[in-house]
Amino acid sequence: MNHGQAMFHFITICVGSYAMEYANKSFSMMKRHAGMSFTPHCITDHPEQLDPAIHPIKPSMEVTGWWNKMLTFGPDMPEGWIVVMDVDLLILQSIRQELEYGFAHVKEIGAYSDAIHWMGCKFSSSFMIFRSGALAHVYENFRANYAQIEDHPGGDQVWLGPQLQGVCYLDE
């Protein structure tokens, strides 16, 4: 990668009733603790409230709550490495090592394991690393079946986990 180019695209999601300050704070935390360059983005329906450095992405379909994360697998995402983080997570120290590990080892998707294996699911969708377009089948499956899965027990991560073949768990 050329000097000055972003190493990854950092994506947060603030749609509907989420206060945009969460996206702005997530950007600020990542800026302090990534230790490498990135381009910030936010999937939002309130772009006027974003920090001017954050690039807004209009939601590609109307979904509710945590299902908006599935949009990060869609065709509207920027090219390259994607790092998705829930806006209610805190970054308290450098995460450069975790990011570098993910970029070097992720074949399909990188994530942390769910500490309590909620509803039997080891996969956690709260922090994900993947290449744009690499999981387009997930987005297409979601788009085609959203009406049937909207009330899926356990939500996005319980629905998503079984569709992934090669999860690189960043905490193992």
N, C-alpha and C. Protein backbone atom coordinates (compact mmCIF):
# COMPACT_ATOMS: atom_id res chain seq x y z
N MET A 1 0.83 -1.18 0.00
CA MET A 1 0.00 0.00 0.00
C MET A 1 0.88 1.24 0.00
N ASN A 2 0.52 2.23 -0.77
CA ASN A 2 1.30 3.45 -0.87
C ASN A 2 1.24 4.27 0.41
N HIS A 3 2.32 4.97 0.68
CA HIS A 3 2.36 5.85 1.84
C HIS A 3 1.23 6.88 1.72
N GLY A 4 0.51 7.09 2.79
CA GLY A 4 -0.56 8.06 2.78
C GLY A 4 -1.93 7.45 2.50
N GLN A 5 -1.97 6.23 1.98
CA GLN A 5 -3.25 5.57 1.74
C GLN A 5 -3.75 4.95 3.03
N ALA A 6 -5.06 4.93 3.18
CA ALA A 6 -5.65 4.32 4.37
C ALA A 6 -5.43 2.81 4.34
N MET A 7 -5.17 2.24 5.49
CA MET A 7 -4.98 0.80 5.61
C MET A 7 -6.31 0.06 5.62
N PHE A 8 -7.37 0.74 6.09
CA PHE A 8 -8.68 0.10 6.17
C PHE A 8 -9.78 1.14 6.22
N HIS A 9 -10.99 0.67 6.08
CA HIS A 9 -12.18 1.51 6.20
C HIS A 9 -12.88 1.12 7.49
N PHE A 10 -13.07 2.09 8.36
CA PHE A 10 -13.73 1.88 9.64
C PHE A 10 -15.19 2.26 9.50
N ILE A 11 -16.08 1.32 9.79
CA ILE A 11 -17.50 1.55 9.59
C ILE A 11 -18.27 1.40 10.89
N THR A 12 -19.03 2.43 11.21
CA THR A 12 -19.97 2.38 12.32
C THR A 12 -21.37 2.53 11.72
N ILE A 13 -22.36 2.26 12.54
CA ILE A 13 -23.74 2.33 12.07
C ILE A 13 -24.58 3.09 13.09
N CYS A 14 -25.21 4.15 12.63
CA CYS A 14 -26.14 4.93 13.46
C CYS A 14 -27.35 5.25 12.61
N VAL A 15 -28.35 4.41 12.71
CA VAL A 15 -29.58 4.57 11.94
C VAL A 15 -30.74 4.64 12.93
N GLY A 16 -31.70 5.47 12.60
CA GLY A 16 -32.89 5.56 13.44
C GLY A 16 -32.64 6.37 14.69
N SER A 17 -32.91 5.76 15.84
CA SER A 17 -32.88 6.51 17.10
C SER A 17 -31.50 6.63 17.74
N TYR A 18 -30.47 5.98 17.18
CA TYR A 18 -29.13 6.12 17.76
C TYR A 18 -28.66 7.56 17.68
N ALA A 19 -28.12 8.07 18.77
CA ALA A 19 -27.56 9.42 18.77
C ALA A 19 -26.26 9.40 17.96
N MET A 20 -26.11 10.35 17.08
CA MET A 20 -24.94 10.40 16.21
C MET A 20 -23.65 10.61 16.98
N GLU A 21 -23.74 11.09 18.20
CA GLU A 21 -22.53 11.27 18.99
C GLU A 21 -21.79 9.94 19.18
N TYR A 22 -22.51 8.82 19.13
CA TYR A 22 -21.86 7.51 19.25
C TYR A 22 -20.92 7.27 18.09
N ALA A 23 -21.34 7.57 16.89
CA ALA A 23 -20.47 7.39 15.72
C ALA A 23 -19.26 8.30 15.82
N ASN A 24 -19.47 9.55 16.23
CA ASN A 24 -18.37 10.50 16.36
C ASN A 24 -17.38 10.05 17.43
N LYS A 25 -17.87 9.53 18.53
CA LYS A 25 -16.98 9.05 19.59
C LYS A 25 -16.23 7.79 19.17
N SER A 26 -16.91 6.91 18.44
CA SER A 26 -16.23 5.70 17.94
C SER A 26 -15.08 6.07 17.01
N PHE A 27 -15.32 7.05 16.13
CA PHE A 27 -14.28 7.54 15.24
C PHE A 27 -13.10 8.09 16.05
N SER A 28 -13.40 8.88 17.06
CA SER A 28 -12.36 9.48 17.89
C SER A 28 -11.53 8.41 18.60
N MET A 29 -12.20 7.39 19.13
CA MET A 29 -11.47 6.29 19.81
C MET A 29 -10.58 5.55 18.83
N MET A 30 -11.12 5.23 17.64
CA MET A 30 -10.33 4.50 16.66
C MET A 30 -9.13 5.34 16.22
N LYS A 31 -9.34 6.62 16.05
CA LYS A 31 -8.25 7.53 15.65
C LYS A 31 -7.12 7.52 16.67
N ARG A 32 -7.49 7.48 17.95
CA ARG A 32 -6.48 7.48 19.02
C ARG A 32 -5.77 6.12 19.15
N HIS A 33 -6.48 5.03 18.86
CA HIS A 33 -5.95 3.72 19.23
C HIS A 33 -5.65 2.75 18.09
N ALA A 34 -5.93 3.11 16.84
CA ALA A 34 -5.66 2.19 15.73
C ALA A 34 -4.17 2.09 15.44
N GLY A 35 -3.46 3.20 15.53
CA GLY A 35 -2.03 3.19 15.24
C GLY A 35 -1.72 3.05 13.76
N MET A 36 -2.70 3.26 12.91
CA MET A 36 -2.50 3.22 11.46
C MET A 36 -3.62 4.04 10.81
N SER A 37 -3.41 4.38 9.56
CA SER A 37 -4.39 5.22 8.89
C SER A 37 -5.63 4.44 8.46
N PHE A 38 -6.75 5.12 8.48
CA PHE A 38 -8.02 4.52 8.06
C PHE A 38 -8.94 5.63 7.56
N THR A 39 -9.96 5.22 6.86
CA THR A 39 -10.99 6.15 6.41
C THR A 39 -12.26 5.84 7.17
N PRO A 40 -12.81 6.80 7.90
CA PRO A 40 -14.03 6.55 8.68
C PRO A 40 -15.30 6.72 7.84
N HIS A 41 -16.25 5.83 8.07
CA HIS A 41 -17.55 5.86 7.40
C HIS A 41 -18.62 5.57 8.44
N CYS A 42 -19.83 6.00 8.15
CA CYS A 42 -20.96 5.68 9.01
C CYS A 42 -22.19 5.45 8.13
N ILE A 43 -22.81 4.29 8.31
CA ILE A 43 -24.10 4.03 7.68
C ILE A 43 -25.12 4.78 8.54
N THR A 44 -25.76 5.77 7.92
CA THR A 44 -26.65 6.62 8.71
C THR A 44 -27.73 7.28 7.87
N ASP A 45 -28.80 7.60 8.52
CA ASP A 45 -29.85 8.39 7.90
C ASP A 45 -29.84 9.82 8.45
N HIS A 46 -28.76 10.19 9.18
CA HIS A 46 -28.59 11.54 9.73
C HIS A 46 -27.17 12.05 9.45
N PRO A 47 -26.75 12.13 8.19
CA PRO A 47 -25.36 12.49 7.89
C PRO A 47 -24.96 13.89 8.34
N GLU A 48 -25.91 14.79 8.46
CA GLU A 48 -25.59 16.17 8.84
C GLU A 48 -25.05 16.26 10.27
N GLN A 49 -25.21 15.23 11.07
CA GLN A 49 -24.76 15.25 12.46
C GLN A 49 -23.40 14.58 12.66
N LEU A 50 -22.81 14.09 11.58
CA LEU A 50 -21.51 13.43 11.67
C LEU A 50 -20.36 14.42 11.73
N ASP A 51 -19.28 14.01 12.37
CA ASP A 51 -18.03 14.74 12.29
C ASP A 51 -17.71 14.89 10.80
N PRO A 52 -17.24 16.06 10.35
CA PRO A 52 -16.97 16.26 8.93
C PRO A 52 -15.96 15.27 8.32
N ALA A 53 -15.13 14.64 9.16
CA ALA A 53 -14.13 13.68 8.65
C ALA A 53 -14.76 12.33 8.30
N ILE A 54 -15.98 12.08 8.78
CA ILE A 54 -16.62 10.78 8.58
C ILE A 54 -17.46 10.82 7.30
N HIS A 55 -17.26 9.83 6.45
CA HIS A 55 -17.99 9.73 5.19
C HIS A 55 -19.32 9.00 5.42
N PRO A 56 -20.44 9.67 5.16
CA PRO A 56 -21.73 9.00 5.35
C PRO A 56 -22.02 8.01 4.23
N ILE A 57 -22.68 6.91 4.59
CA ILE A 57 -23.17 5.93 3.64
C ILE A 57 -24.66 5.79 3.91
N LYS A 58 -25.45 6.03 2.89
CA LYS A 58 -26.90 5.91 3.02
C LYS A 58 -27.26 4.42 3.11
N PRO A 59 -28.15 4.04 4.04
CA PRO A 59 -28.56 2.64 4.12
C PRO A 59 -29.13 2.16 2.78
N SER A 60 -28.71 0.98 2.33
CA SER A 60 -29.13 0.46 1.03
C SER A 60 -30.52 -0.16 1.07
N MET A 61 -31.02 -0.42 2.26
CA MET A 61 -32.39 -0.91 2.42
C MET A 61 -32.85 -0.54 3.82
N GLU A 62 -34.13 -0.50 4.02
CA GLU A 62 -34.67 -0.12 5.32
C GLU A 62 -34.83 -1.37 6.19
N VAL A 63 -34.03 -1.42 7.24
CA VAL A 63 -34.09 -2.52 8.20
C VAL A 63 -34.05 -1.92 9.59
N THR A 64 -34.27 -2.73 10.61
CA THR A 64 -34.30 -2.20 11.97
C THR A 64 -33.13 -2.71 12.80
N GLY A 65 -32.74 -1.90 13.76
CA GLY A 65 -31.77 -2.29 14.79
C GLY A 65 -30.50 -2.92 14.28
N TRP A 66 -30.15 -4.03 14.93
CA TRP A 66 -28.88 -4.70 14.64
C TRP A 66 -28.79 -5.21 13.22
N TRP A 67 -29.91 -5.37 12.53
CA TRP A 67 -29.90 -5.86 11.14
C TRP A 67 -29.18 -4.90 10.20
N ASN A 68 -29.01 -3.65 10.60
CA ASN A 68 -28.27 -2.71 9.76
C ASN A 68 -26.83 -3.15 9.54
N LYS A 69 -26.29 -3.97 10.45
CA LYS A 69 -24.92 -4.48 10.28
C LYS A 69 -24.77 -5.31 9.01
N MET A 70 -25.84 -5.96 8.59
CA MET A 70 -25.78 -6.79 7.39
C MET A 70 -25.51 -5.95 6.14
N LEU A 71 -25.80 -4.65 6.21
CA LEU A 71 -25.54 -3.77 5.08
C LEU A 71 -24.05 -3.62 4.82
N THR A 72 -23.22 -3.89 5.82
CA THR A 72 -21.76 -3.77 5.63
C THR A 72 -21.21 -4.83 4.68
N PHE A 73 -22.00 -5.86 4.40
CA PHE A 73 -21.58 -6.90 3.45
C PHE A 73 -22.05 -6.60 2.03
N GLY A 74 -22.76 -5.48 1.86
CA GLY A 74 -23.37 -5.14 0.59
C GLY A 74 -22.45 -4.42 -0.38
N PRO A 75 -22.98 -4.12 -1.55
CA PRO A 75 -22.18 -3.54 -2.63
C PRO A 75 -21.84 -2.06 -2.46
N ASP A 76 -22.44 -1.38 -1.48
CA ASP A 76 -22.19 0.05 -1.30
C ASP A 76 -20.98 0.36 -0.43
N MET A 77 -20.25 -0.66 -0.01
CA MET A 77 -19.11 -0.44 0.87
C MET A 77 -17.86 -0.08 0.06
N PRO A 78 -16.95 0.67 0.67
CA PRO A 78 -15.71 1.03 -0.03
C PRO A 78 -14.83 -0.22 -0.25
N GLU A 79 -13.95 -0.14 -1.22
CA GLU A 79 -13.05 -1.26 -1.57
C GLU A 79 -11.95 -1.41 -0.53
N GLY A 80 -11.63 -2.64 -0.19
CA GLY A 80 -10.50 -2.92 0.70
C GLY A 80 -10.94 -3.56 1.99
N TRP A 81 -10.07 -3.45 2.99
CA TRP A 81 -10.36 -3.99 4.32
C TRP A 81 -11.45 -3.15 4.98
N ILE A 82 -12.39 -3.85 5.59
CA ILE A 82 -13.49 -3.22 6.32
C ILE A 82 -13.36 -3.64 7.79
N VAL A 83 -13.44 -2.68 8.68
CA VAL A 83 -13.51 -2.94 10.12
C VAL A 83 -14.82 -2.34 10.60
N VAL A 84 -15.70 -3.20 11.11
CA VAL A 84 -17.01 -2.78 11.60
C VAL A 84 -17.01 -2.91 13.11
N MET A 85 -17.47 -1.86 13.79
CA MET A 85 -17.51 -1.90 15.24
C MET A 85 -18.83 -1.33 15.73
N ASP A 86 -19.47 -2.02 16.66
CA ASP A 86 -20.68 -1.48 17.29
C ASP A 86 -20.34 -0.15 17.95
N VAL A 87 -21.27 0.78 17.87
CA VAL A 87 -21.02 2.11 18.45
C VAL A 87 -21.07 2.13 19.97
N ASP A 88 -21.49 1.02 20.59
CA ASP A 88 -21.51 1.00 22.05
C ASP A 88 -20.28 0.31 22.64
N LEU A 89 -19.27 0.03 21.82
CA LEU A 89 -18.02 -0.53 22.33
C LEU A 89 -17.04 0.59 22.64
N LEU A 90 -16.17 0.32 23.61
CA LEU A 90 -15.13 1.28 23.97
C LEU A 90 -13.77 0.71 23.59
N ILE A 91 -12.91 1.57 23.07
CA ILE A 91 -11.51 1.20 22.82
C ILE A 91 -10.69 1.98 23.83
N LEU A 92 -10.04 1.27 24.73
CA LEU A 92 -9.33 1.93 25.82
C LEU A 92 -7.82 1.97 25.65
N GLN A 93 -7.31 1.16 24.71
CA GLN A 93 -5.87 1.14 24.48
C GLN A 93 -5.62 0.75 23.03
N SER A 94 -4.36 0.72 22.66
CA SER A 94 -4.02 0.42 21.28
C SER A 94 -4.62 -0.91 20.82
N ILE A 95 -5.17 -0.90 19.60
CA ILE A 95 -5.66 -2.14 19.00
C ILE A 95 -4.89 -2.45 17.71
N ARG A 96 -3.77 -1.80 17.53
CA ARG A 96 -2.97 -2.01 16.33
C ARG A 96 -2.60 -3.48 16.15
N GLN A 97 -2.18 -4.13 17.21
CA GLN A 97 -1.77 -5.53 17.13
C GLN A 97 -2.94 -6.41 16.66
N GLU A 98 -4.12 -6.17 17.18
CA GLU A 98 -5.29 -6.96 16.77
C GLU A 98 -5.63 -6.71 15.30
N LEU A 99 -5.55 -5.44 14.88
CA LEU A 99 -5.83 -5.11 13.48
C LEU A 99 -4.80 -5.77 12.56
N GLU A 100 -3.52 -5.63 12.89
CA GLU A 100 -2.48 -6.23 12.05
C GLU A 100 -2.64 -7.75 11.98
N TYR A 101 -2.95 -8.37 13.10
CA TYR A 101 -3.18 -9.82 13.12
C TYR A 101 -4.35 -10.18 12.19
N GLY A 102 -5.43 -9.43 12.30
CA GLY A 102 -6.59 -9.68 11.45
C GLY A 102 -6.27 -9.54 9.97
N PHE A 103 -5.58 -8.45 9.61
CA PHE A 103 -5.25 -8.23 8.20
C PHE A 103 -4.33 -9.33 7.67
N ALA A 104 -3.49 -9.89 8.51
CA ALA A 104 -2.55 -10.93 8.08
C ALA A 104 -3.18 -12.33 8.05
N HIS A 105 -4.19 -12.58 8.87
CA HIS A 105 -4.69 -13.95 9.03
C HIS A 105 -6.13 -14.20 8.59
N VAL A 106 -6.92 -13.16 8.44
CA VAL A 106 -8.32 -13.36 8.07
C VAL A 106 -8.42 -13.86 6.63
N LYS A 107 -9.10 -14.98 6.47
CA LYS A 107 -9.39 -15.51 5.13
C LYS A 107 -10.79 -15.09 4.71
N GLU A 108 -11.76 -15.21 5.62
CA GLU A 108 -13.14 -14.83 5.32
C GLU A 108 -13.56 -13.65 6.19
N ILE A 109 -13.50 -13.83 7.51
CA ILE A 109 -13.91 -12.78 8.44
C ILE A 109 -13.19 -12.98 9.77
N GLY A 110 -12.87 -11.88 10.42
CA GLY A 110 -12.29 -11.92 11.75
C GLY A 110 -13.26 -11.31 12.74
N ALA A 111 -13.30 -11.86 13.94
CA ALA A 111 -14.21 -11.37 14.97
C ALA A 111 -13.72 -11.87 16.32
N TYR A 112 -14.28 -11.31 17.36
CA TYR A 112 -14.04 -11.84 18.70
C TYR A 112 -15.12 -12.88 18.98
N SER A 113 -14.78 -13.85 19.79
CA SER A 113 -15.80 -14.83 20.16
C SER A 113 -16.71 -14.22 21.22
N ASP A 114 -17.96 -14.64 21.19
CA ASP A 114 -18.92 -14.18 22.19
C ASP A 114 -18.58 -14.89 23.50
N ALA A 115 -18.27 -14.11 24.52
CA ALA A 115 -17.80 -14.67 25.79
C ALA A 115 -18.79 -15.63 26.43
N ILE A 116 -20.07 -15.42 26.22
CA ILE A 116 -21.06 -16.29 26.85
C ILE A 116 -21.72 -17.25 25.85
N HIS A 117 -21.23 -17.22 24.60
CA HIS A 117 -21.80 -18.06 23.53
C HIS A 117 -23.33 -17.96 23.54
N TRP A 118 -23.79 -16.71 23.44
CA TRP A 118 -25.20 -16.39 23.53
C TRP A 118 -26.01 -17.22 22.53
N MET A 119 -27.00 -17.91 23.03
CA MET A 119 -27.87 -18.78 22.23
C MET A 119 -27.07 -19.81 21.44
N GLY A 120 -25.95 -20.25 22.03
CA GLY A 120 -25.12 -21.27 21.41
C GLY A 120 -24.22 -20.77 20.30
N CYS A 121 -24.12 -19.47 20.15
CA CYS A 121 -23.34 -18.88 19.05
C CYS A 121 -21.99 -18.39 19.57
N LYS A 122 -20.92 -18.89 18.99
CA LYS A 122 -19.58 -18.45 19.36
C LYS A 122 -19.24 -17.11 18.68
N PHE A 123 -19.76 -16.88 17.49
CA PHE A 123 -19.47 -15.69 16.70
C PHE A 123 -20.12 -14.45 17.32
N SER A 124 -19.36 -13.36 17.38
CA SER A 124 -19.90 -12.08 17.82
C SER A 124 -19.76 -11.08 16.69
N SER A 125 -20.83 -10.38 16.38
CA SER A 125 -20.81 -9.41 15.29
C SER A 125 -20.47 -7.99 15.76
N SER A 126 -20.05 -7.83 16.99
CA SER A 126 -19.78 -6.50 17.53
C SER A 126 -18.51 -5.85 16.98
N PHE A 127 -17.57 -6.66 16.50
CA PHE A 127 -16.32 -6.17 15.91
C PHE A 127 -15.92 -7.17 14.83
N MET A 128 -15.90 -6.72 13.58
CA MET A 128 -15.63 -7.63 12.47
C MET A 128 -14.59 -7.02 11.52
N ILE A 129 -13.76 -7.89 10.95
CA ILE A 129 -12.77 -7.50 9.94
C ILE A 129 -12.98 -8.42 8.73
N PHE A 130 -13.14 -7.82 7.55
CA PHE A 130 -13.28 -8.61 6.33
C PHE A 130 -12.98 -7.71 5.13
N ARG A 131 -12.83 -8.31 3.98
CA ARG A 131 -12.62 -7.54 2.74
C ARG A 131 -13.97 -7.25 2.10
N SER A 132 -14.12 -6.03 1.61
CA SER A 132 -15.38 -5.68 0.95
C SER A 132 -15.63 -6.64 -0.21
N GLY A 133 -16.87 -7.04 -0.36
CA GLY A 133 -17.27 -7.95 -1.43
C GLY A 133 -17.04 -9.41 -1.14
N ALA A 134 -16.20 -9.74 -0.16
CA ALA A 134 -15.86 -11.13 0.11
C ALA A 134 -17.04 -11.93 0.65
N LEU A 135 -17.99 -11.26 1.25
CA LEU A 135 -19.15 -11.95 1.83
C LEU A 135 -20.45 -11.46 1.20
N ALA A 136 -20.39 -11.19 -0.09
CA ALA A 136 -21.57 -10.69 -0.82
C ALA A 136 -22.73 -11.68 -0.72
N HIS A 137 -22.42 -12.97 -0.63
CA HIS A 137 -23.49 -13.99 -0.52
C HIS A 137 -24.30 -13.78 0.76
N VAL A 138 -23.66 -13.32 1.82
CA VAL A 138 -24.37 -13.06 3.08
C VAL A 138 -25.37 -11.93 2.86
N TYR A 139 -24.92 -10.86 2.22
CA TYR A 139 -25.81 -9.73 1.95
C TYR A 139 -26.98 -10.15 1.06
N GLU A 140 -26.70 -10.91 0.02
CA GLU A 140 -27.77 -11.34 -0.89
C GLU A 140 -28.78 -12.24 -0.18
N ASN A 141 -28.29 -13.15 0.64
CA ASN A 141 -29.16 -14.02 1.43
C ASN A 141 -30.01 -13.19 2.40
N PHE A 142 -29.38 -12.23 3.04
CA PHE A 142 -30.09 -11.35 3.96
C PHE A 142 -31.16 -10.54 3.22
N ARG A 143 -30.76 -9.93 2.13
CA ARG A 143 -31.69 -9.09 1.35
C ARG A 143 -32.91 -9.90 0.88
N ALA A 144 -32.67 -11.12 0.43
CA ALA A 144 -33.75 -11.96 -0.08
C ALA A 144 -34.66 -12.49 1.03
N ASN A 145 -34.13 -12.61 2.25
CA ASN A 145 -34.88 -13.27 3.33
C ASN A 145 -35.19 -12.40 4.54
N TYR A 146 -34.94 -11.09 4.45
CA TYR A 146 -35.11 -10.23 5.62
C TYR A 146 -36.51 -10.34 6.23
N ALA A 147 -37.53 -10.36 5.43
CA ALA A 147 -38.90 -10.43 5.96
C ALA A 147 -39.11 -11.68 6.82
N GLN A 148 -38.44 -12.78 6.47
CA GLN A 148 -38.59 -14.02 7.22
C GLN A 148 -37.68 -14.09 8.45
N ILE A 149 -36.57 -13.36 8.43
CA ILE A 149 -35.61 -13.47 9.54
C ILE A 149 -35.62 -12.28 10.49
N GLU A 150 -36.41 -11.27 10.20
CA GLU A 150 -36.43 -10.05 11.01
C GLU A 150 -36.61 -10.34 12.50
N ASP A 151 -37.38 -11.35 12.84
CA ASP A 151 -37.61 -11.70 14.24
C ASP A 151 -36.81 -12.94 14.67
N HIS A 152 -35.73 -13.22 13.95
CA HIS A 152 -34.89 -14.39 14.25
C HIS A 152 -34.40 -14.33 15.69
N PRO A 153 -34.61 -15.38 16.48
CA PRO A 153 -34.11 -15.38 17.86
C PRO A 153 -32.59 -15.16 17.89
N GLY A 154 -32.16 -14.22 18.67
CA GLY A 154 -30.73 -13.94 18.78
C GLY A 154 -30.23 -12.91 17.81
N GLY A 155 -31.07 -12.54 16.85
CA GLY A 155 -30.72 -11.46 15.94
C GLY A 155 -29.60 -11.74 14.97
N ASP A 156 -28.90 -10.67 14.62
CA ASP A 156 -27.94 -10.72 13.53
C ASP A 156 -26.81 -11.72 13.75
N GLN A 157 -26.21 -11.76 14.93
CA GLN A 157 -25.05 -12.64 15.06
C GLN A 157 -25.44 -14.11 15.11
N VAL A 158 -26.58 -14.43 15.65
CA VAL A 158 -27.04 -15.83 15.68
C VAL A 158 -27.43 -16.27 14.27
N TRP A 159 -27.99 -15.36 13.47
CA TRP A 159 -28.31 -15.68 12.08
C TRP A 159 -27.06 -15.74 11.23
N LEU A 160 -26.12 -14.81 11.46
CA LEU A 160 -24.92 -14.70 10.63
C LEU A 160 -23.91 -15.82 10.90
N GLY A 161 -23.67 -16.14 12.15
CA GLY A 161 -22.63 -17.12 12.51
C GLY A 161 -22.65 -18.39 11.68
N PRO A 162 -23.77 -19.08 11.54
CA PRO A 162 -23.79 -20.33 10.77
C PRO A 162 -23.50 -20.17 9.27
N GLN A 163 -23.58 -18.94 8.75
CA GLN A 163 -23.30 -18.72 7.34
C GLN A 163 -21.82 -18.54 7.04
N LEU A 164 -21.02 -18.45 8.08
CA LEU A 164 -19.59 -18.19 7.93
C LEU A 164 -18.79 -19.47 8.07
N GLN A 165 -17.92 -19.71 7.12
CA GLN A 165 -17.14 -20.94 7.12
C GLN A 165 -15.76 -20.77 7.78
N GLY A 166 -15.16 -19.60 7.65
CA GLY A 166 -13.78 -19.41 8.08
C GLY A 166 -13.60 -18.24 9.01
N VAL A 167 -14.15 -18.32 10.20
CA VAL A 167 -14.01 -17.23 11.16
C VAL A 167 -12.64 -17.30 11.83
N CYS A 168 -11.90 -16.21 11.77
CA CYS A 168 -10.64 -16.09 12.48
C CYS A 168 -10.96 -15.36 13.78
N TYR A 169 -10.91 -16.08 14.90
CA TYR A 169 -11.23 -15.46 16.18
C TYR A 169 -10.01 -14.70 16.69
N LEU A 170 -10.14 -13.40 16.81
CA LEU A 170 -9.04 -12.53 17.16
C LEU A 170 -8.58 -12.70 18.60
N ASP A 171 -9.38 -13.31 19.44
CA ASP A 171 -9.03 -13.47 20.85
C ASP A 171 -8.53 -14.87 21.17
N GLU A 172 -8.25 -15.67 20.16
CA GLU A 172 -7.77 -17.04 20.43
C GLU A 172 -6.34 -17.21 19.95
